[in-house]
All heavy atoms as atom14 arrays in JSON, in Angstrom:
{
  "sequence": "ARGLVVRNYHAPGCCIDNPCAADTITCRPRHDDGDRLWFYTSWNH",
  "atom14_mask": [
    [1, 1, 1, 1, 1, 0, 0, 0, 0, 0, 0, 0, 0, 0],
    [1, 1, 1, 1, 1, 1, 1, 1, 1, 1, 1, 0, 0, 0],
    [1, 1, 1, 1, 0, 0, 0, 0, 0, 0, 0, 0, 0, 0],
    [1, 1, 1, 1, 1, 1, 1, 1, 0, 0, 0, 0, 0, 0],
    [1, 1, 1, 1, 1, 1, 1, 0, 0, 0, 0, 0, 0, 0],
    [1, 1, 1, 1, 1, 1, 1, 0, 0, 0, 0, 0, 0, 0],
    [1, 1, 1, 1, 1, 1, 1, 1, 1, 1, 1, 0, 0, 0],
    [1, 1, 1, 1, 1, 1, 1, 1, 0, 0, 0, 0, 0, 0],
    [1, 1, 1, 1, 1, 1, 1, 1, 1, 1, 1, 1, 0, 0],
    [1, 1, 1, 1, 1, 1, 1, 1, 1, 1, 0, 0, 0, 0],
    [1, 1, 1, 1, 1, 0, 0, 0, 0, 0, 0, 0, 0, 0],
    [1, 1, 1, 1, 1, 1, 1, 0, 0, 0, 0, 0, 0, 0],
    [1, 1, 1, 1, 0, 0, 0, 0, 0, 0, 0, 0, 0, 0],
    [1, 1, 1, 1, 1, 1, 0, 0, 0, 0, 0, 0, 0, 0],
    [1, 1, 1, 1, 1, 1, 0, 0, 0, 0, 0, 0, 0, 0],
    [1, 1, 1, 1, 1, 1, 1, 1, 0, 0, 0, 0, 0, 0],
    [1, 1, 1, 1, 1, 1, 1, 1, 0, 0, 0, 0, 0, 0],
    [1, 1, 1, 1, 1, 1, 1, 1, 0, 0, 0, 0, 0, 0],
    [1, 1, 1, 1, 1, 1, 1, 0, 0, 0, 0, 0, 0, 0],
    [1, 1, 1, 1, 1, 1, 0, 0, 0, 0, 0, 0, 0, 0],
    [1, 1, 1, 1, 1, 0, 0, 0, 0, 0, 0, 0, 0, 0],
    [1, 1, 1, 1, 1, 0, 0, 0, 0, 0, 0, 0, 0, 0],
    [1, 1, 1, 1, 1, 1, 1, 1, 0, 0, 0, 0, 0, 0],
    [1, 1, 1, 1, 1, 1, 1, 0, 0, 0, 0, 0, 0, 0],
    [1, 1, 1, 1, 1, 1, 1, 1, 0, 0, 0, 0, 0, 0],
    [1, 1, 1, 1, 1, 1, 1, 0, 0, 0, 0, 0, 0, 0],
    [1, 1, 1, 1, 1, 1, 0, 0, 0, 0, 0, 0, 0, 0],
    [1, 1, 1, 1, 1, 1, 1, 1, 1, 1, 1, 0, 0, 0],
    [1, 1, 1, 1, 1, 1, 1, 0, 0, 0, 0, 0, 0, 0],
    [1, 1, 1, 1, 1, 1, 1, 1, 1, 1, 1, 0, 0, 0],
    [1, 1, 1, 1, 1, 1, 1, 1, 1, 1, 0, 0, 0, 0],
    [1, 1, 1, 1, 1, 1, 1, 1, 0, 0, 0, 0, 0, 0],
    [1, 1, 1, 1, 1, 1, 1, 1, 0, 0, 0, 0, 0, 0],
    [1, 1, 1, 1, 0, 0, 0, 0, 0, 0, 0, 0, 0, 0],
    [1, 1, 1, 1, 1, 1, 1, 1, 0, 0, 0, 0, 0, 0],
    [1, 1, 1, 1, 1, 1, 1, 1, 1, 1, 1, 0, 0, 0],
    [1, 1, 1, 1, 1, 1, 1, 1, 0, 0, 0, 0, 0, 0],
    [1, 1, 1, 1, 1, 1, 1, 1, 1, 1, 1, 1, 1, 1],
    [1, 1, 1, 1, 1, 1, 1, 1, 1, 1, 1, 0, 0, 0],
    [1, 1, 1, 1, 1, 1, 1, 1, 1, 1, 1, 1, 0, 0],
    [1, 1, 1, 1, 1, 1, 1, 0, 0, 0, 0, 0, 0, 0],
    [1, 1, 1, 1, 1, 1, 0, 0, 0, 0, 0, 0, 0, 0],
    [1, 1, 1, 1, 1, 1, 1, 1, 1, 1, 1, 1, 1, 1],
    [1, 1, 1, 1, 1, 1, 1, 1, 0, 0, 0, 0, 0, 0],
    [1, 1, 1, 1, 1, 1, 1, 1, 1, 1, 0, 0, 0, 0]
  ],
  "atom14_positions": [
    [[-48.54, -4.27, -43.76], [-48.62, -3.52, -45.02], [-48.45, -4.43, -46.23], [-48.95, -4.13, -47.32], [-47.56, -2.41, -45.04], [0.0, 0.0, 0.0], [0.0, 0.0, 0.0], [0.0, 0.0, 0.0], [0.0, 0.0, 0.0], [0.0, 0.0, 0.0], [0.0, 0.0, 0.0], [0.0, 0.0, 0.0], [0.0, 0.0, 0.0], [0.0, 0.0, 0.0]],
    [[-47.77, -5.57, -46.06], [-47.55, -6.5, -47.18], [-48.67, -7.52, -47.34], [-48.73, -8.21, -48.35], [-46.23, -7.26, -46.98], [-45.02, -6.38, -47.08], [-43.7, -7.14, -46.92], [-43.83, -8.43, -46.27], [-43.38, -9.58, -46.79], [-42.76, -9.59, -47.94], [-43.51, -10.71, -46.14], [0.0, 0.0, 0.0], [0.0, 0.0, 0.0], [0.0, 0.0, 0.0]],
    [[-49.51, -7.65, -46.34], [-50.6, -8.62, -46.39], [-50.83, -9.23, -45.02], [-50.37, -8.71, -44.0], [0.0, 0.0, 0.0], [0.0, 0.0, 0.0], [0.0, 0.0, 0.0], [0.0, 0.0, 0.0], [0.0, 0.0, 0.0], [0.0, 0.0, 0.0], [0.0, 0.0, 0.0], [0.0, 0.0, 0.0], [0.0, 0.0, 0.0], [0.0, 0.0, 0.0]],
    [[-51.52, -10.35, -45.0], [-51.84, -11.04, -43.76], [-50.8, -12.14, -43.53], [-50.75, -13.13, -44.27], [-53.25, -11.64, -43.86], [-53.78, -12.33, -42.62], [-53.91, -11.34, -41.45], [-55.13, -12.97, -42.92], [0.0, 0.0, 0.0], [0.0, 0.0, 0.0], [0.0, 0.0, 0.0], [0.0, 0.0, 0.0], [0.0, 0.0, 0.0], [0.0, 0.0, 0.0]],
    [[-49.95, -11.95, -42.53], [-48.91, -12.92, -42.21], [-49.53, -13.96, -41.27], [-50.02, -13.61, -40.19], [-47.68, -12.26, -41.56], [-46.64, -13.3, -41.17], [-47.1, -11.21, -42.49], [0.0, 0.0, 0.0], [0.0, 0.0, 0.0], [0.0, 0.0, 0.0], [0.0, 0.0, 0.0], [0.0, 0.0, 0.0], [0.0, 0.0, 0.0], [0.0, 0.0, 0.0]],
    [[-49.52, -15.21, -41.71], [-50.15, -16.29, -40.96], [-49.08, -17.3, -40.57], [-48.26, -17.69, -41.4], [-51.25, -16.99, -41.8], [-51.98, -18.03, -40.96], [-52.22, -15.97, -42.38], [0.0, 0.0, 0.0], [0.0, 0.0, 0.0], [0.0, 0.0, 0.0], [0.0, 0.0, 0.0], [0.0, 0.0, 0.0], [0.0, 0.0, 0.0], [0.0, 0.0, 0.0]],
    [[-49.1, -17.71, -39.3], [-48.12, -18.68, -38.8], [-48.83, -19.8, -38.05], [-49.76, -19.55, -37.29], [-47.13, -18.01, -37.85], [-46.21, -17.02, -38.52], [-45.25, -16.39, -37.51], [-44.4, -15.42, -38.14], [-44.71, -14.13, -38.29], [-45.85, -13.66, -37.83], [-43.88, -13.31, -38.9], [0.0, 0.0, 0.0], [0.0, 0.0, 0.0], [0.0, 0.0, 0.0]],
    [[-48.33, -21.0, -38.27], [-48.77, -22.16, -37.51], [-47.56, -22.63, -36.71], [-46.69, -23.31, -37.24], [-49.28, -23.27, -38.42], [-49.73, -24.49, -37.65], [-49.63, -24.53, -36.43], [-50.22, -25.48, -38.35], [0.0, 0.0, 0.0], [0.0, 0.0, 0.0], [0.0, 0.0, 0.0], [0.0, 0.0, 0.0], [0.0, 0.0, 0.0], [0.0, 0.0, 0.0]],
    [[-47.52, -22.26, -35.43], [-46.37, -22.59, -34.59], [-46.29, -24.07, -34.26], [-45.3, -24.53, -33.7], [-46.4, -21.76, -33.31], [-46.14, -20.29, -33.56], [-47.14, -19.34, -33.44], [-44.86, -19.86, -33.93], [-46.89, -18.0, -33.68], [-44.6, -18.51, -34.16], [-45.62, -17.59, -34.04], [-45.37, -16.27, -34.27], [0.0, 0.0, 0.0], [0.0, 0.0, 0.0]],
    [[-47.32, -24.84, -34.63], [-47.34, -26.27, -34.34], [-46.89, -27.11, -35.53], [-46.9, -28.34, -35.46], [-48.74, -26.69, -33.9], [-49.22, -25.94, -32.7], [-48.71, -26.13, -31.44], [-50.13, -24.95, -32.59], [-49.3, -25.31, -30.6], [-50.16, -24.58, -31.26], [0.0, 0.0, 0.0], [0.0, 0.0, 0.0], [0.0, 0.0, 0.0], [0.0, 0.0, 0.0]],
    [[-46.51, -26.47, -36.63], [-46.06, -27.2, -37.82], [-44.66, -26.7, -38.19], [-44.38, -25.5, -38.1], [-47.01, -26.98, -38.98], [0.0, 0.0, 0.0], [0.0, 0.0, 0.0], [0.0, 0.0, 0.0], [0.0, 0.0, 0.0], [0.0, 0.0, 0.0], [0.0, 0.0, 0.0], [0.0, 0.0, 0.0], [0.0, 0.0, 0.0], [0.0, 0.0, 0.0]],
    [[-43.8, -27.59, -38.61], [-42.43, -27.18, -38.94], [-42.38, -26.31, -40.18], [-43.18, -26.46, -41.11], [-41.71, -28.51, -39.18], [-42.79, -29.46, -39.57], [-44.02, -29.01, -38.84], [0.0, 0.0, 0.0], [0.0, 0.0, 0.0], [0.0, 0.0, 0.0], [0.0, 0.0, 0.0], [0.0, 0.0, 0.0], [0.0, 0.0, 0.0], [0.0, 0.0, 0.0]],
    [[-41.44, -25.39, -40.17], [-41.21, -24.54, -41.32], [-40.25, -25.17, -42.3], [-39.89, -26.35, -42.18], [0.0, 0.0, 0.0], [0.0, 0.0, 0.0], [0.0, 0.0, 0.0], [0.0, 0.0, 0.0], [0.0, 0.0, 0.0], [0.0, 0.0, 0.0], [0.0, 0.0, 0.0], [0.0, 0.0, 0.0], [0.0, 0.0, 0.0], [0.0, 0.0, 0.0]],
    [[-39.79, -24.37, -43.21], [-38.94, -24.89, -44.29], [-37.46, -24.86, -43.95], [-36.68, -25.6, -44.53], [-39.17, -24.07, -45.56], [-38.67, -22.34, -45.41], [0.0, 0.0, 0.0], [0.0, 0.0, 0.0], [0.0, 0.0, 0.0], [0.0, 0.0, 0.0], [0.0, 0.0, 0.0], [0.0, 0.0, 0.0], [0.0, 0.0, 0.0], [0.0, 0.0, 0.0]],
    [[-37.08, -23.97, -43.01], [-35.65, -23.76, -42.84], [-35.38, -23.0, -41.53], [-36.32, -22.66, -40.81], [-35.11, -22.97, -44.02], [-36.01, -21.44, -44.33], [0.0, 0.0, 0.0], [0.0, 0.0, 0.0], [0.0, 0.0, 0.0], [0.0, 0.0, 0.0], [0.0, 0.0, 0.0], [0.0, 0.0, 0.0], [0.0, 0.0, 0.0], [0.0, 0.0, 0.0]],
    [[-34.13, -22.71, -41.26], [-33.76, -22.0, -40.03], [-34.43, -20.62, -39.97], [-34.89, -20.2, -38.91], [-32.23, -21.88, -39.92], [-31.62, -23.26, -39.69], [-31.83, -20.93, -38.8], [-30.11, -23.31, -39.73], [0.0, 0.0, 0.0], [0.0, 0.0, 0.0], [0.0, 0.0, 0.0], [0.0, 0.0, 0.0], [0.0, 0.0, 0.0], [0.0, 0.0, 0.0]],
    [[-34.49, -19.93, -41.1], [-35.08, -18.59, -41.11], [-36.59, -18.62, -40.91], [-37.19, -17.62, -40.52], [-34.76, -17.88, -42.42], [-33.3, -17.5, -42.53], [-32.64, -17.35, -41.47], [-32.82, -17.34, -43.66], [0.0, 0.0, 0.0], [0.0, 0.0, 0.0], [0.0, 0.0, 0.0], [0.0, 0.0, 0.0], [0.0, 0.0, 0.0], [0.0, 0.0, 0.0]],
    [[-37.22, -19.75, -41.21], [-38.67, -19.91, -41.06], [-38.93, -21.2, -40.28], [-39.26, -22.23, -40.86], [-39.36, -19.97, -42.43], [-39.24, -18.66, -43.16], [-39.72, -17.65, -42.71], [-38.56, -18.7, -44.3], [0.0, 0.0, 0.0], [0.0, 0.0, 0.0], [0.0, 0.0, 0.0], [0.0, 0.0, 0.0], [0.0, 0.0, 0.0], [0.0, 0.0, 0.0]],
    [[-38.81, -21.14, -38.96], [-38.91, -22.36, -38.16], [-40.32, -22.95, -38.04], [-40.46, -24.09, -37.63], [-38.38, -21.92, -36.79], [-38.64, -20.45, -36.75], [-38.49, -19.97, -38.15], [0.0, 0.0, 0.0], [0.0, 0.0, 0.0], [0.0, 0.0, 0.0], [0.0, 0.0, 0.0], [0.0, 0.0, 0.0], [0.0, 0.0, 0.0], [0.0, 0.0, 0.0]],
    [[-41.34, -22.18, -38.4], [-42.7, -22.71, -38.37], [-43.36, -22.47, -39.73], [-42.92, -21.61, -40.5], [-43.52, -22.07, -37.25], [-43.9, -20.33, -37.5], [0.0, 0.0, 0.0], [0.0, 0.0, 0.0], [0.0, 0.0, 0.0], [0.0, 0.0, 0.0], [0.0, 0.0, 0.0], [0.0, 0.0, 0.0], [0.0, 0.0, 0.0], [0.0, 0.0, 0.0]],
    [[-44.41, -23.23, -40.0], [-45.14, -23.05, -41.26], [-45.76, -21.66, -41.27], [-46.37, -21.23, -40.29], [-46.22, -24.12, -41.38], [0.0, 0.0, 0.0], [0.0, 0.0, 0.0], [0.0, 0.0, 0.0], [0.0, 0.0, 0.0], [0.0, 0.0, 0.0], [0.0, 0.0, 0.0], [0.0, 0.0, 0.0], [0.0, 0.0, 0.0], [0.0, 0.0, 0.0]],
    [[-45.58, -20.94, -42.37], [-46.07, -19.56, -42.46], [-46.31, -19.17, -43.91], [-45.76, -19.77, -44.84], [-45.06, -18.6, -41.82], [0.0, 0.0, 0.0], [0.0, 0.0, 0.0], [0.0, 0.0, 0.0], [0.0, 0.0, 0.0], [0.0, 0.0, 0.0], [0.0, 0.0, 0.0], [0.0, 0.0, 0.0], [0.0, 0.0, 0.0], [0.0, 0.0, 0.0]],
    [[-47.13, -18.16, -44.09], [-47.37, -17.59, -45.41], [-47.87, -16.17, -45.25], [-48.36, -15.79, -44.18], [-48.39, -18.42, -46.19], [-48.35, -18.14, -47.69], [-47.44, -17.43, -48.15], [-49.24, -18.63, -48.39], [0.0, 0.0, 0.0], [0.0, 0.0, 0.0], [0.0, 0.0, 0.0], [0.0, 0.0, 0.0], [0.0, 0.0, 0.0], [0.0, 0.0, 0.0]],
    [[-47.76, -15.39, -46.31], [-48.33, -14.04, -46.35], [-49.42, -14.04, -47.4], [-49.15, -14.26, -48.59], [-47.25, -12.99, -46.68], [-46.24, -13.05, -45.67], [-47.85, -11.59, -46.72], [0.0, 0.0, 0.0], [0.0, 0.0, 0.0], [0.0, 0.0, 0.0], [0.0, 0.0, 0.0], [0.0, 0.0, 0.0], [0.0, 0.0, 0.0], [0.0, 0.0, 0.0]],
    [[-50.63, -13.82, -46.96], [-51.81, -13.84, -47.83], [-52.1, -12.41, -48.3], [-52.05, -11.47, -47.51], [-53.04, -14.37, -47.06], [-52.74, -15.72, -46.41], [-54.27, -14.41, -47.95], [-52.36, -16.81, -47.36], [0.0, 0.0, 0.0], [0.0, 0.0, 0.0], [0.0, 0.0, 0.0], [0.0, 0.0, 0.0], [0.0, 0.0, 0.0], [0.0, 0.0, 0.0]],
    [[-52.38, -12.27, -49.58], [-52.81, -10.98, -50.11], [-54.22, -11.12, -50.68], [-54.72, -12.22, -50.88], [-51.86, -10.48, -51.21], [-51.78, -11.46, -52.24], [-50.47, -10.19, -50.64], [0.0, 0.0, 0.0], [0.0, 0.0, 0.0], [0.0, 0.0, 0.0], [0.0, 0.0, 0.0], [0.0, 0.0, 0.0], [0.0, 0.0, 0.0], [0.0, 0.0, 0.0]],
    [[-54.84, -9.98, -50.93], [-56.18, -9.94, -51.51], [-56.16, -8.92, -52.63], [-55.79, -7.76, -52.42], [-57.19, -9.55, -50.43], [-58.9, -9.46, -51.01], [0.0, 0.0, 0.0], [0.0, 0.0, 0.0], [0.0, 0.0, 0.0], [0.0, 0.0, 0.0], [0.0, 0.0, 0.0], [0.0, 0.0, 0.0], [0.0, 0.0, 0.0], [0.0, 0.0, 0.0]],
    [[-56.55, -9.37, -53.82], [-56.56, -8.46, -54.96], [-57.49, -9.0, -56.04], [-57.88, -10.16, -56.0], [-55.15, -8.27, -55.5], [-54.49, -9.51, -56.03], [-53.06, -9.21, -56.49], [-52.44, -10.34, -57.12], [-51.74, -11.26, -56.49], [-51.56, -11.18, -55.19], [-51.2, -12.28, -57.16], [0.0, 0.0, 0.0], [0.0, 0.0, 0.0], [0.0, 0.0, 0.0]],
    [[-57.81, -8.16, -57.02], [-58.69, -8.62, -58.1], [-58.04, -9.74, -58.91], [-56.83, -9.73, -59.14], [-58.88, -7.38, -58.97], [-58.55, -6.22, -58.09], [-57.5, -6.73, -57.14], [0.0, 0.0, 0.0], [0.0, 0.0, 0.0], [0.0, 0.0, 0.0], [0.0, 0.0, 0.0], [0.0, 0.0, 0.0], [0.0, 0.0, 0.0], [0.0, 0.0, 0.0]],
    [[-58.88, -10.68, -59.3], [-58.42, -11.75, -60.19], [-58.95, -11.44, -61.58], [-60.16, -11.51, -61.83], [-58.92, -13.11, -59.69], [-58.39, -14.25, -60.52], [-58.73, -15.58, -59.91], [-58.24, -16.65, -60.78], [-58.34, -17.92, -60.51], [-58.88, -18.32, -59.37], [-57.9, -18.82, -61.36], [0.0, 0.0, 0.0], [0.0, 0.0, 0.0], [0.0, 0.0, 0.0]],
    [[-58.07, -11.09, -62.47], [-58.46, -10.58, -63.79], [-59.19, -11.61, -64.64], [-60.05, -11.25, -65.44], [-57.25, -10.01, -64.52], [-56.59, -8.91, -63.74], [-57.23, -7.74, -63.4], [-55.35, -8.83, -63.19], [-56.43, -6.98, -62.69], [-55.28, -7.62, -62.54], [0.0, 0.0, 0.0], [0.0, 0.0, 0.0], [0.0, 0.0, 0.0], [0.0, 0.0, 0.0]],
    [[-58.89, -12.9, -64.47], [-59.57, -13.91, -65.26], [-60.9, -14.35, -64.62], [-61.52, -15.3, -65.07], [-58.67, -15.12, -65.53], [-58.27, -15.86, -64.26], [-58.52, -15.36, -63.15], [-57.7, -16.97, -64.39], [0.0, 0.0, 0.0], [0.0, 0.0, 0.0], [0.0, 0.0, 0.0], [0.0, 0.0, 0.0], [0.0, 0.0, 0.0], [0.0, 0.0, 0.0]],
    [[-61.32, -13.63, -63.58], [-62.6, -13.92, -62.92], [-63.4, -12.63, -62.74], [-63.95, -12.37, -61.67], [-62.37, -14.62, -61.58], [-63.65, -15.16, -60.96], [-64.55, -15.58, -61.72], [-63.75, -15.16, -59.73], [0.0, 0.0, 0.0], [0.0, 0.0, 0.0], [0.0, 0.0, 0.0], [0.0, 0.0, 0.0], [0.0, 0.0, 0.0], [0.0, 0.0, 0.0]],
    [[-63.42, -11.82, -63.77], [-64.21, -10.59, -63.72], [-63.74, -9.58, -62.71], [-64.52, -8.76, -62.23], [0.0, 0.0, 0.0], [0.0, 0.0, 0.0], [0.0, 0.0, 0.0], [0.0, 0.0, 0.0], [0.0, 0.0, 0.0], [0.0, 0.0, 0.0], [0.0, 0.0, 0.0], [0.0, 0.0, 0.0], [0.0, 0.0, 0.0], [0.0, 0.0, 0.0]],
    [[-62.46, -9.62, -62.36], [-61.85, -8.72, -61.38], [-62.46, -8.82, -59.98], [-62.36, -7.89, -59.18], [-61.88, -7.27, -61.87], [-60.84, -7.02, -62.95], [-59.85, -7.78, -63.01], [-61.02, -6.08, -63.74], [0.0, 0.0, 0.0], [0.0, 0.0, 0.0], [0.0, 0.0, 0.0], [0.0, 0.0, 0.0], [0.0, 0.0, 0.0], [0.0, 0.0, 0.0]],
    [[-63.08, -9.96, -59.68], [-63.55, -10.18, -58.3], [-62.34, -10.36, -57.41], [-61.27, -10.82, -57.85], [-64.46, -11.41, -58.23], [-65.8, -11.17, -58.87], [-66.74, -12.3, -58.53], [-66.37, -13.49, -59.28], [-67.19, -14.12, -60.1], [-68.43, -13.71, -60.28], [-66.79, -15.2, -60.74], [0.0, 0.0, 0.0], [0.0, 0.0, 0.0], [0.0, 0.0, 0.0]],
    [[-62.5, -9.99, -56.14], [-61.41, -10.12, -55.18], [-61.18, -11.58, -54.83], [-62.12, -12.33, -54.59], [-61.72, -9.33, -53.9], [-61.73, -7.83, -54.04], [-62.15, -7.18, -52.72], [-60.38, -7.29, -54.48], [0.0, 0.0, 0.0], [0.0, 0.0, 0.0], [0.0, 0.0, 0.0], [0.0, 0.0, 0.0], [0.0, 0.0, 0.0], [0.0, 0.0, 0.0]],
    [[-59.9, -11.96, -54.8], [-59.47, -13.3, -54.43], [-58.34, -13.19, -53.42], [-57.61, -12.19, -53.39], [-58.97, -14.07, -55.65], [-60.05, -14.73, -56.43], [-61.02, -14.12, -57.18], [-60.28, -16.13, -56.57], [-61.84, -15.06, -57.76], [-61.4, -16.3, -57.41], [-59.64, -17.25, -56.07], [-61.89, -17.55, -57.74], [-60.12, -18.51, -56.4], [-61.24, -18.64, -57.23]],
    [[-58.18, -14.24, -52.62], [-57.02, -14.38, -51.74], [-55.95, -15.14, -52.51], [-56.24, -16.09, -53.24], [-57.37, -15.15, -50.47], [-58.32, -14.42, -49.57], [-59.57, -14.94, -49.31], [-57.96, -13.22, -48.98], [-60.45, -14.28, -48.47], [-58.84, -12.55, -48.13], [-60.09, -13.08, -47.88], [0.0, 0.0, 0.0], [0.0, 0.0, 0.0], [0.0, 0.0, 0.0]],
    [[-54.7, -14.71, -52.3], [-53.54, -15.32, -52.96], [-52.5, -15.71, -51.92], [-52.29, -14.99, -50.94], [-52.87, -14.32, -53.92], [-53.64, -14.05, -55.18], [-54.73, -13.18, -55.18], [-53.28, -14.65, -56.38], [-55.44, -12.92, -56.34], [-53.98, -14.39, -57.55], [-55.05, -13.53, -57.52], [-55.75, -13.28, -58.67], [0.0, 0.0, 0.0], [0.0, 0.0, 0.0]],
    [[-51.82, -16.82, -52.18], [-50.69, -17.2, -51.35], [-49.49, -16.31, -51.72], [-49.54, -15.56, -52.7], [-50.3, -18.67, -51.6], [-49.85, -18.78, -52.96], [-51.46, -19.62, -51.33], [0.0, 0.0, 0.0], [0.0, 0.0, 0.0], [0.0, 0.0, 0.0], [0.0, 0.0, 0.0], [0.0, 0.0, 0.0], [0.0, 0.0, 0.0], [0.0, 0.0, 0.0]],
    [[-48.41, -16.46, -50.97], [-47.21, -15.67, -51.26], [-46.56, -16.09, -52.58], [-45.75, -15.36, -53.12], [-46.2, -15.79, -50.12], [-45.83, -17.14, -49.95], [0.0, 0.0, 0.0], [0.0, 0.0, 0.0], [0.0, 0.0, 0.0], [0.0, 0.0, 0.0], [0.0, 0.0, 0.0], [0.0, 0.0, 0.0], [0.0, 0.0, 0.0], [0.0, 0.0, 0.0]],
    [[-46.91, -17.24, -53.09], [-46.37, -17.67, -54.38], [-47.38, -17.41, -55.51], [-47.34, -18.03, -56.56], [-45.87, -19.11, -54.35], [-46.88, -20.17, -54.02], [-47.63, -20.87, -54.92], [-47.27, -20.64, -52.74], [-48.45, -21.76, -54.27], [-48.25, -21.63, -52.93], [-46.89, -20.32, -51.43], [-48.85, -22.3, -51.87], [-47.5, -21.0, -50.39], [-48.45, -21.96, -50.62]],
    [[-48.32, -16.47, -55.27], [-49.3, -16.0, -56.26], [-50.31, -17.06, -56.7], [-50.82, -17.0, -57.81], [-48.62, -15.4, -57.5], [-48.12, -14.01, -57.21], [-48.75, -13.26, -56.47], [-46.99, -13.66, -57.77], [0.0, 0.0, 0.0], [0.0, 0.0, 0.0], [0.0, 0.0, 0.0], [0.0, 0.0, 0.0], [0.0, 0.0, 0.0], [0.0, 0.0, 0.0]],
    [[-50.61, -18.0, -55.83], [-51.63, -19.0, -56.12], [-52.97, -18.49, -55.59], [-53.13, -18.29, -54.39], [-51.27, -20.32, -55.43], [-52.27, -21.4, -55.66], [-52.33, -22.12, -56.83], [-53.27, -21.85, -54.88], [-53.32, -22.98, -56.75], [-53.9, -22.84, -55.58], [0.0, 0.0, 0.0], [0.0, 0.0, 0.0], [0.0, 0.0, 0.0], [0.0, 0.0, 0.0]]
  ]
}
């Protein structure tokens, strides 16, 4: 419900709570690009 949770079990994570590299990807309109849909990282990139 929060987005696409992606994990790479072969790469180290940041900390004990996240032992592998991971991110939650979302998809939403990008207002500075004519509201076309874009993928965003969990840090809104």
